[in-house]
Amino acid sequence: MSLEIVRKLTPEEEELAAKREELMRLEAELADRELALASLKAELASFEGLYLRRVGVLYAELDEWNAQLAELRAEQAGTREAKSEAAEARTQAEEAYSAAHGEAADVQPFTPSPELKKLYREAAKRVHPDTATDEADRARRERLMKEVNAAYVAGNEDALRRILADLENSPDMIQGSGVGVDLVRILRQLRQVRDRTAAIELEIAKISETDMAKLKVKVDQAEKEGRDLIADMVTTVNGRIDVARQQVKNAEGKNRG
């Protein structure tokens, strides 16, 4: 009968094993927060596109009418102040038109599937730059992370699968070993992951305080209550356009008179 001898782990090996488990847990949490951040950005971009297509174009039209009105009043008054106000109104109208008809307005609705989210989490855990072991590794991971984010925003599951498949066969993923070296490496990775997680929380908080994010929250809440806040805004701006259009008509009549 043979006796199996089980070697007791050294304190360093026990610490390494514990830190590896901690790193795996924090990497999973980091992947979730990266997903939350990427989703927030994509959802806000999608919402901004919707807002610009439905409301932004109307504000651009309103600013155009206001610019015409200011120019007519400047023509009638002939003062430097009136001309300055007309120039400012024209600049605002041009900026509003550019915003309402720019690339942001073309962003389509973002509805990530559960599979897309799953693939993103896995890819983020595997390639995240803050788990790099040296500068060359970080540069490679940063490039891959950009590809992962781009594929996620585009809803491209196949691209994420290809990235994961390439990682499986990449010789760059094979690293050296040694308890002391591995422990130092993991301790640094832990710090990087914690720092990145904290940075993500700050970025999410900052984005959540933007006007567009606050408006989205109001729109989403109104939808839960059975109201279409965007439609209400459309009605309100259309009413202001009607008033501005009439004011321009009246001003044209005065200038002709």
C-alpha atoms as a PDB file:
ATOM      1  CA  MET A   1       0.000   0.000   0.000  1.00  0.00           C
ATOM      2  CA  SER A   2       1.508   3.311  -1.083  1.00  0.00           C
ATOM      3  CA  LEU A   3       1.186   6.423   0.955  1.00  0.00           C
ATOM      4  CA  GLU A   4       0.632   9.643  -0.948  1.00  0.00           C
ATOM      5  CA  ILE A   5       2.745  12.415   0.458  1.00  0.00           C
ATOM      6  CA  VAL A   6       1.113  15.822   0.209  1.00  0.00           C
ATOM      7  CA  ARG A   7       3.573  18.681   0.363  1.00  0.00           C
ATOM      8  CA  LYS A   8       2.522  21.524   2.604  1.00  0.00           C
ATOM      9  CA  LEU A   9       2.447  24.893   0.924  1.00  0.00           C
ATOM     10  CA  THR A  10       4.970  27.460   2.024  1.00  0.00           C
ATOM     11  CA  PRO A  11       3.635  30.752   3.474  1.00  0.00           C
ATOM     12  CA  GLU A  12       4.606  32.474   0.240  1.00  0.00           C
ATOM     13  CA  GLU A  13       2.684  29.914  -1.842  1.00  0.00           C
ATOM     14  CA  GLU A  14      -0.362  30.264   0.404  1.00  0.00           C
ATOM     15  CA  GLU A  15      -0.232  34.036   0.037  1.00  0.00           C
ATOM     16  CA  LEU A  16       0.169  33.708  -3.728  1.00  0.00           C
ATOM     17  CA  ALA A  17      -2.860  31.412  -3.940  1.00  0.00           C
ATOM     18  CA  ALA A  18      -4.953  33.821  -1.847  1.00  0.00           C
ATOM     19  CA  LYS A  19      -3.898  36.804  -3.947  1.00  0.00           C
ATOM     20  CA  ARG A  20      -4.689  34.924  -7.146  1.00  0.00           C
ATOM     21  CA  GLU A  21      -8.220  34.292  -5.915  1.00  0.00           C
ATOM     22  CA  GLU A  22      -8.577  37.930  -4.916  1.00  0.00           C
ATOM     23  CA  LEU A  23      -7.284  39.052  -8.308  1.00  0.00           C
ATOM     24  CA  MET A  24      -9.764  36.813 -10.130  1.00  0.00           C
ATOM     25  CA  ARG A  25     -12.631  38.251  -8.079  1.00  0.00           C
ATOM     26  CA  LEU A  26     -11.545  41.862  -8.606  1.00  0.00           C
ATOM     27  CA  GLU A  27     -10.958  41.276 -12.329  1.00  0.00           C
ATOM     28  CA  ALA A  28     -14.537  39.996 -12.630  1.00  0.00           C
ATOM     29  CA  GLU A  29     -15.813  43.058 -10.766  1.00  0.00           C
ATOM     30  CA  LEU A  30     -13.707  45.322 -12.961  1.00  0.00           C
ATOM     31  CA  ALA A  31     -15.099  43.687 -16.096  1.00  0.00           C
ATOM     32  CA  ASP A  32     -18.623  44.359 -14.791  1.00  0.00           C
ATOM     33  CA  ARG A  33     -17.812  48.027 -14.143  1.00  0.00           C
ATOM     34  CA  GLU A  34     -16.170  48.367 -17.561  1.00  0.00           C
ATOM     35  CA  LEU A  35     -19.365  46.928 -19.022  1.00  0.00           C
ATOM     36  CA  ALA A  36     -21.440  49.404 -17.039  1.00  0.00           C
ATOM     37  CA  LEU A  37     -19.302  52.302 -18.256  1.00  0.00           C
ATOM     38  CA  ALA A  38     -19.311  51.165 -21.888  1.00  0.00           C
ATOM     39  CA  SER A  39     -23.084  50.635 -21.757  1.00  0.00           C
ATOM     40  CA  LEU A  40     -23.662  54.054 -20.181  1.00  0.00           C
ATOM     41  CA  LYS A  41     -21.635  55.767 -22.892  1.00  0.00           C
ATOM     42  CA  ALA A  42     -23.356  53.846 -25.689  1.00  0.00           C
ATOM     43  CA  GLU A  43     -26.839  54.384 -24.245  1.00  0.00           C
ATOM     44  CA  LEU A  44     -26.212  58.105 -23.794  1.00  0.00           C
ATOM     45  CA  ALA A  45     -24.864  58.418 -27.342  1.00  0.00           C
ATOM     46  CA  SER A  46     -27.972  56.637 -28.605  1.00  0.00           C
ATOM     47  CA  PHE A  47     -30.248  58.864 -26.520  1.00  0.00           C
ATOM     48  CA  GLU A  48     -28.460  61.990 -27.704  1.00  0.00           C
ATOM     49  CA  GLY A  49     -28.991  60.874 -31.302  1.00  0.00           C
ATOM     50  CA  LEU A  50     -32.711  60.408 -30.644  1.00  0.00           C
ATOM     51  CA  TYR A  51     -32.937  63.775 -28.889  1.00  0.00           C
ATOM     52  CA  LEU A  52     -31.157  65.597 -31.716  1.00  0.00           C
ATOM     53  CA  ARG A  53     -33.293  63.965 -34.399  1.00  0.00           C
ATOM     54  CA  ARG A  54     -36.586  64.785 -32.676  1.00  0.00           C
ATOM     55  CA  VAL A  55     -35.932  67.884 -30.565  1.00  0.00           C
ATOM     56  CA  GLY A  56     -32.525  69.232 -31.558  1.00  0.00           C
ATOM     57  CA  VAL A  57     -33.600  69.886 -35.142  1.00  0.00           C
ATOM     58  CA  LEU A  58     -36.559  71.890 -33.837  1.00  0.00           C
ATOM     59  CA  TYR A  59     -34.335  73.991 -31.583  1.00  0.00           C
ATOM     60  CA  ALA A  60     -32.094  74.563 -34.592  1.00  0.00           C
ATOM     61  CA  GLU A  61     -35.122  75.777 -36.548  1.00  0.00           C
ATOM     62  CA  LEU A  62     -36.172  77.986 -33.632  1.00  0.00           C
ATOM     63  CA  ASP A  63     -32.685  79.498 -33.441  1.00  0.00           C
ATOM     64  CA  GLU A  64     -32.824  80.164 -37.185  1.00  0.00           C
ATOM     65  CA  TRP A  65     -36.099  82.077 -36.815  1.00  0.00           C
ATOM     66  CA  ASN A  66     -34.668  83.985 -33.828  1.00  0.00           C
ATOM     67  CA  ALA A  67     -31.574  84.859 -35.859  1.00  0.00           C
ATOM     68  CA  GLN A  68     -33.710  86.157 -38.714  1.00  0.00           C
ATOM     69  CA  LEU A  69     -35.743  88.193 -36.231  1.00  0.00           C
ATOM     70  CA  ALA A  70     -32.621  89.670 -34.647  1.00  0.00           C
ATOM     71  CA  GLU A  71     -31.242  90.559 -38.094  1.00  0.00           C
ATOM     72  CA  LEU A  72     -34.490  92.280 -39.095  1.00  0.00           C
ATOM     73  CA  ARG A  73     -34.528  94.252 -35.832  1.00  0.00           C
ATOM     74  CA  ALA A  74     -30.872  95.186 -36.330  1.00  0.00           C
ATOM     75  CA  GLU A  75     -31.686  96.387 -39.853  1.00  0.00           C
ATOM     76  CA  GLN A  76     -34.503  98.516 -38.458  1.00  0.00           C
ATOM     77  CA  ALA A  77     -32.624  99.887 -35.427  1.00  0.00           C
ATOM     78  CA  GLY A  78     -29.239 100.283 -37.077  1.00  0.00           C
ATOM     79  CA  THR A  79     -27.448 100.365 -33.709  1.00  0.00           C
ATOM     80  CA  ARG A  80     -24.190  98.633 -32.873  1.00  0.00           C
ATOM     81  CA  GLU A  81     -25.862  96.789 -30.014  1.00  0.00           C
ATOM     82  CA  ALA A  82     -28.627  95.429 -32.255  1.00  0.00           C
ATOM     83  CA  LYS A  83     -26.095  94.338 -34.875  1.00  0.00           C
ATOM     84  CA  SER A  84     -24.031  92.574 -32.183  1.00  0.00           C
ATOM     85  CA  GLU A  85     -27.118  90.751 -30.912  1.00  0.00           C
ATOM     86  CA  ALA A  86     -27.957  89.709 -34.476  1.00  0.00           C
ATOM     87  CA  ALA A  87     -24.431  88.360 -35.003  1.00  0.00           C
ATOM     88  CA  GLU A  88     -24.623  86.355 -31.768  1.00  0.00           C
ATOM     89  CA  ALA A  89     -28.026  84.965 -32.750  1.00  0.00           C
ATOM     90  CA  ARG A  90     -26.703  83.927 -36.154  1.00  0.00           C
ATOM     91  CA  THR A  91     -23.710  82.177 -34.575  1.00  0.00           C
ATOM     92  CA  GLN A  92     -26.002  80.299 -32.199  1.00  0.00           C
ATOM     93  CA  ALA A  93     -28.243  79.271 -35.099  1.00  0.00           C
ATOM     94  CA  GLU A  94     -25.288  77.928 -37.067  1.00  0.00           C
ATOM     95  CA  GLU A  95     -23.966  75.991 -34.055  1.00  0.00           C
ATOM     96  CA  ALA A  96     -27.417  74.541 -33.339  1.00  0.00           C
ATOM     97  CA  TYR A  97     -27.772  73.433 -36.968  1.00  0.00           C
ATOM     98  CA  SER A  98     -24.349  71.762 -36.908  1.00  0.00           C
ATOM     99  CA  ALA A  99     -25.172  69.923 -33.665  1.00  0.00           C
ATOM    100  CA  ALA A 100     -28.600  68.796 -34.834  1.00  0.00           C
ATOM    101  CA  HIS A 101     -27.352  67.537 -38.187  1.00  0.00           C
ATOM    102  CA  GLY A 102     -23.913  66.241 -37.158  1.00  0.00           C
ATOM    103  CA  GLU A 103     -22.627  62.725 -36.583  1.00  0.00           C
ATOM    104  CA  ALA A 104     -24.141  62.510 -33.083  1.00  0.00           C
ATOM    105  CA  ALA A 105     -27.622  62.677 -34.585  1.00  0.00           C
ATOM    106  CA  ASP A 106     -26.938  59.544 -36.656  1.00  0.00           C
ATOM    107  CA  VAL A 107     -26.263  57.270 -33.663  1.00  0.00           C
ATOM    108  CA  GLN A 108     -28.880  54.529 -33.629  1.00  0.00           C
ATOM    109  CA  PRO A 109     -30.581  52.840 -30.628  1.00  0.00           C
ATOM    110  CA  PHE A 110     -28.242  50.713 -28.523  1.00  0.00           C
ATOM    111  CA  THR A 111     -29.728  47.428 -27.281  1.00  0.00           C
ATOM    112  CA  PRO A 112     -26.949  44.981 -26.309  1.00  0.00           C
ATOM    113  CA  SER A 113     -27.952  41.324 -26.130  1.00  0.00           C
ATOM    114  CA  PRO A 114     -27.114  39.154 -23.085  1.00  0.00           C
ATOM    115  CA  GLU A 115     -24.607  37.263 -25.246  1.00  0.00           C
ATOM    116  CA  LEU A 116     -22.909  40.518 -26.269  1.00  0.00           C
ATOM    117  CA  LYS A 117     -22.578  41.541 -22.621  1.00  0.00           C
ATOM    118  CA  LYS A 118     -21.215  38.115 -21.700  1.00  0.00           C
ATOM    119  CA  LEU A 119     -18.602  38.255 -24.451  1.00  0.00           C
ATOM    120  CA  TYR A 120     -17.620  41.782 -23.444  1.00  0.00           C
ATOM    121  CA  ARG A 121     -17.105  40.807 -19.794  1.00  0.00           C
ATOM    122  CA  GLU A 122     -14.920  37.867 -20.790  1.00  0.00           C
ATOM    123  CA  ALA A 123     -12.876  39.909 -23.236  1.00  0.00           C
ATOM    124  CA  ALA A 124     -12.469  42.758 -20.747  1.00  0.00           C
ATOM    125  CA  LYS A 125     -11.165  40.347 -18.100  1.00  0.00           C
ATOM    126  CA  ARG A 126      -8.697  38.819 -20.544  1.00  0.00           C
ATOM    127  CA  VAL A 127      -7.257  41.959 -22.151  1.00  0.00           C
ATOM    128  CA  HIS A 128      -7.709  44.771 -19.634  1.00  0.00           C
ATOM    129  CA  PRO A 129      -4.617  47.052 -19.733  1.00  0.00           C
ATOM    130  CA  ASP A 130      -4.524  47.373 -15.952  1.00  0.00           C
ATOM    131  CA  THR A 131      -3.591  43.704 -15.639  1.00  0.00           C
ATOM    132  CA  ALA A 132      -0.490  44.205 -17.778  1.00  0.00           C
ATOM    133  CA  THR A 133       2.881  43.051 -16.472  1.00  0.00           C
ATOM    134  CA  ASP A 134       5.076  45.524 -18.367  1.00  0.00           C
ATOM    135  CA  GLU A 135       4.824  48.481 -20.765  1.00  0.00           C
ATOM    136  CA  ALA A 136       4.915  46.358 -23.908  1.00  0.00           C
ATOM    137  CA  ASP A 137       2.133  44.176 -22.540  1.00  0.00           C
ATOM    138  CA  ARG A 138       0.123  47.281 -21.586  1.00  0.00           C
ATOM    139  CA  ALA A 139       0.425  48.758 -25.078  1.00  0.00           C
ATOM    140  CA  ARG A 140      -0.793  45.488 -26.617  1.00  0.00           C
ATOM    141  CA  ARG A 141      -3.699  45.276 -24.179  1.00  0.00           C
ATOM    142  CA  GLU A 142      -4.703  48.913 -24.732  1.00  0.00           C
ATOM    143  CA  ARG A 143      -4.927  48.242 -28.462  1.00  0.00           C
ATOM    144  CA  LEU A 144      -7.019  45.135 -27.874  1.00  0.00           C
ATOM    145  CA  MET A 145      -9.271  46.929 -25.371  1.00  0.00           C
ATOM    146  CA  LYS A 146     -10.062  49.585 -27.979  1.00  0.00           C
ATOM    147  CA  GLU A 147     -11.065  46.801 -30.369  1.00  0.00           C
ATOM    148  CA  VAL A 148     -13.217  45.216 -27.655  1.00  0.00           C
ATOM    149  CA  ASN A 149     -14.996  48.504 -26.895  1.00  0.00           C
ATOM    150  CA  ALA A 150     -15.549  49.251 -30.572  1.00  0.00           C
ATOM    151  CA  ALA A 151     -17.012  45.781 -31.168  1.00  0.00           C
ATOM    152  CA  TYR A 152     -19.316  46.163 -28.162  1.00  0.00           C
ATOM    153  CA  VAL A 153     -20.674  49.560 -29.202  1.00  0.00           C
ATOM    154  CA  ALA A 154     -21.186  48.216 -32.736  1.00  0.00           C
ATOM    155  CA  GLY A 155     -22.996  45.161 -31.341  1.00  0.00           C
ATOM    156  CA  ASN A 156     -20.538  42.884 -33.147  1.00  0.00           C
ATOM    157  CA  GLU A 157     -20.552  39.544 -31.294  1.00  0.00           C
ATOM    158  CA  ASP A 158     -18.438  37.846 -33.977  1.00  0.00           C
ATOM    159  CA  ALA A 159     -15.660  40.402 -33.542  1.00  0.00           C
ATOM    160  CA  LEU A 160     -15.573  39.754 -29.785  1.00  0.00           C
ATOM    161  CA  ARG A 161     -15.448  36.000 -30.394  1.00  0.00           C
ATOM    162  CA  ARG A 162     -12.538  36.458 -32.802  1.00  0.00           C
ATOM    163  CA  ILE A 163     -10.634  38.527 -30.234  1.00  0.00           C
ATOM    164  CA  LEU A 164     -11.181  35.838 -27.587  1.00  0.00           C
ATOM    165  CA  ALA A 165     -10.144  33.077 -29.996  1.00  0.00           C
ATOM    166  CA  ASP A 166      -6.962  34.946 -30.926  1.00  0.00           C
ATOM    167  CA  LEU A 167      -6.137  35.341 -27.242  1.00  0.00           C
ATOM    168  CA  GLU A 168      -6.414  31.606 -26.679  1.00  0.00           C
ATOM    169  CA  ASN A 169      -3.715  30.987 -29.287  1.00  0.00           C
ATOM    170  CA  SER A 170      -1.526  33.975 -28.504  1.00  0.00           C
ATOM    171  CA  PRO A 171       1.988  33.175 -27.237  1.00  0.00           C
ATOM    172  CA  ASP A 172       1.937  36.561 -25.473  1.00  0.00           C
ATOM    173  CA  MET A 173      -0.499  35.143 -22.928  1.00  0.00           C
ATOM    174  CA  ILE A 174       2.090  32.594 -21.741  1.00  0.00           C
ATOM    175  CA  GLN A 175       4.075  34.114 -18.886  1.00  0.00           C
ATOM    176  CA  GLY A 176       6.987  33.061 -16.697  1.00  0.00           C
ATOM    177  CA  SER A 177       6.530  31.651 -13.189  1.00  0.00           C
ATOM    178  CA  GLY A 178       8.174  31.593  -9.796  1.00  0.00           C
ATOM    179  CA  VAL A 179       6.502  32.199  -6.446  1.00  0.00           C
ATOM    180  CA  GLY A 180       8.347  35.401  -5.601  1.00  0.00           C
ATOM    181  CA  VAL A 181       8.034  36.932  -9.050  1.00  0.00           C
ATOM    182  CA  ASP A 182       4.397  35.870  -9.411  1.00  0.00           C
ATOM    183  CA  LEU A 183       3.493  37.316  -6.031  1.00  0.00           C
ATOM    184  CA  VAL A 184       5.025  40.689  -6.844  1.00  0.00           C
ATOM    185  CA  ARG A 185       3.313  40.664 -10.244  1.00  0.00           C
ATOM    186  CA  ILE A 186      -0.083  39.890  -8.738  1.00  0.00           C
ATOM    187  CA  LEU A 187       0.272  42.519  -6.010  1.00  0.00           C
ATOM    188  CA  ARG A 188       0.917  45.122  -8.689  1.00  0.00           C
ATOM    189  CA  GLN A 189      -1.976  43.861 -10.765  1.00  0.00           C
ATOM    190  CA  LEU A 190      -4.256  44.081  -7.732  1.00  0.00           C
ATOM    191  CA  ARG A 191      -3.324  47.702  -7.210  1.00  0.00           C
ATOM    192  CA  GLN A 192      -3.859  48.488 -10.886  1.00  0.00           C
ATOM    193  CA  VAL A 193      -7.277  46.822 -10.900  1.00  0.00           C
ATOM    194  CA  ARG A 194      -8.364  48.677  -7.751  1.00  0.00           C
ATOM    195  CA  ASP A 195      -7.170  51.997  -9.181  1.00  0.00           C
ATOM    196  CA  ARG A 196      -8.984  51.398 -12.475  1.00  0.00           C
ATOM    197  CA  THR A 197     -12.201  50.393 -10.690  1.00  0.00           C
ATOM    198  CA  ALA A 198     -12.086  53.602  -8.653  1.00  0.00           C
ATOM    199  CA  ALA A 199     -11.443  55.629 -11.815  1.00  0.00           C
ATOM    200  CA  ILE A 200     -14.445  54.026 -13.517  1.00  0.00           C
ATOM    201  CA  GLU A 201     -16.708  54.942 -10.599  1.00  0.00           C
ATOM    202  CA  LEU A 202     -15.555  58.559 -10.847  1.00  0.00           C
ATOM    203  CA  GLU A 203     -16.111  58.599 -14.620  1.00  0.00           C
ATOM    204  CA  ILE A 204     -19.595  57.125 -14.273  1.00  0.00           C
ATOM    205  CA  ALA A 205     -20.428  59.709 -11.604  1.00  0.00           C
ATOM    206  CA  LYS A 206     -19.143  62.530 -13.817  1.00  0.00           C
ATOM    207  CA  ILE A 207     -21.091  61.327 -16.857  1.00  0.00           C
ATOM    208  CA  SER A 208     -24.235  60.947 -14.742  1.00  0.00           C
ATOM    209  CA  GLU A 209     -24.017  64.648 -13.854  1.00  0.00           C
ATOM    210  CA  THR A 210     -24.088  65.830 -17.478  1.00  0.00           C
ATOM    211  CA  ASP A 211     -27.208  67.562 -18.782  1.00  0.00           C
ATOM    212  CA  MET A 212     -27.835  64.820 -21.342  1.00  0.00           C
ATOM    213  CA  ALA A 213     -27.612  62.090 -18.697  1.00  0.00           C
ATOM    214  CA  LYS A 214     -29.990  63.951 -16.383  1.00  0.00           C
ATOM    215  CA  LEU A 215     -32.423  64.462 -19.256  1.00  0.00           C
ATOM    216  CA  LYS A 216     -32.289  60.751 -20.081  1.00  0.00           C
ATOM    217  CA  VAL A 217     -33.162  59.912 -16.476  1.00  0.00           C
ATOM    218  CA  LYS A 218     -36.194  62.219 -16.689  1.00  0.00           C
ATOM    219  CA  VAL A 219     -37.261  60.723 -20.013  1.00  0.00           C
ATOM    220  CA  ASP A 220     -36.890  57.173 -18.700  1.00  0.00           C
ATOM    221  CA  GLN A 221     -38.858  58.019 -15.555  1.00  0.00           C
ATOM    222  CA  ALA A 222     -41.613  59.663 -17.584  1.00  0.00           C
ATOM    223  CA  GLU A 223     -41.807  56.563 -19.793  1.00  0.00           C
ATOM    224  CA  LYS A 224     -42.338  54.402 -16.697  1.00  0.00           C
ATOM    225  CA  GLU A 225     -45.216  56.719 -15.775  1.00  0.00           C
ATOM    226  CA  GLY A 226     -46.738  56.374 -19.234  1.00  0.00           C
ATOM    227  CA  ARG A 227     -45.629  59.771 -20.536  1.00  0.00           C
ATOM    228  CA  ASP A 228     -43.567  60.657 -23.596  1.00  0.00           C
ATOM    229  CA  LEU A 229     -41.419  63.542 -22.415  1.00  0.00           C
ATOM    230  CA  ILE A 230     -39.703  63.881 -25.794  1.00  0.00           C
ATOM    231  CA  ALA A 231     -43.096  64.281 -27.472  1.00  0.00           C
ATOM    232  CA  ASP A 232     -44.011  66.950 -24.924  1.00  0.00           C
ATOM    233  CA  MET A 233     -40.786  68.796 -25.709  1.00  0.00           C
ATOM    234  CA  VAL A 234     -41.526  68.583 -29.437  1.00  0.00           C
ATOM    235  CA  THR A 235     -44.938  70.161 -28.855  1.00  0.00           C
ATOM    236  CA  THR A 236     -43.456  72.952 -26.736  1.00  0.00           C
ATOM    237  CA  VAL A 237     -40.688  73.834 -29.200  1.00  0.00           C
ATOM    238  CA  ASN A 238     -43.103  73.743 -32.134  1.00  0.00           C
ATOM    239  CA  GLY A 239     -45.237  76.277 -30.275  1.00  0.00           C
ATOM    240  CA  ARG A 240     -42.222  78.541 -29.804  1.00  0.00           C
ATOM    241  CA  ILE A 241     -41.376  78.166 -33.501  1.00  0.00           C
ATOM    242  CA  ASP A 242     -44.863  79.312 -34.447  1.00  0.00           C
ATOM    243  CA  VAL A 243     -44.453  82.403 -32.258  1.00  0.00           C
ATOM    244  CA  ALA A 244     -40.990  83.184 -33.672  1.00  0.00           C
ATOM    245  CA  ARG A 245     -42.213  82.684 -37.246  1.00  0.00           C
ATOM    246  CA  GLN A 246     -45.021  85.177 -36.660  1.00  0.00           C
ATOM    247  CA  GLN A 247     -42.615  87.669 -35.085  1.00  0.00           C
ATOM    248  CA  VAL A 248     -40.390  87.467 -38.162  1.00  0.00           C
ATOM    249  CA  LYS A 249     -43.401  88.021 -40.394  1.00  0.00           C
ATOM    250  CA  ASN A 250     -44.403  91.075 -38.368  1.00  0.00           C
ATOM    251  CA  ALA A 251     -40.850  92.465 -38.407  1.00  0.00           C
ATOM    252  CA  GLU A 252     -40.639  92.008 -42.188  1.00  0.00           C
ATOM    253  CA  GLY A 253     -43.860  93.978 -42.524  1.00  0.00           C
ATOM    254  CA  LYS A 254     -42.477  96.821 -40.422  1.00  0.00           C
ATOM    255  CA  ASN A 255     -39.233  96.931 -42.390  1.00  0.00           C
ATOM    256  CA  ARG A 256     -41.109  97.078 -45.683  1.00  0.00           C
ATOM    257  CA  GLY A 257     -43.359  99.778 -44.283  1.00  0.00           C
END
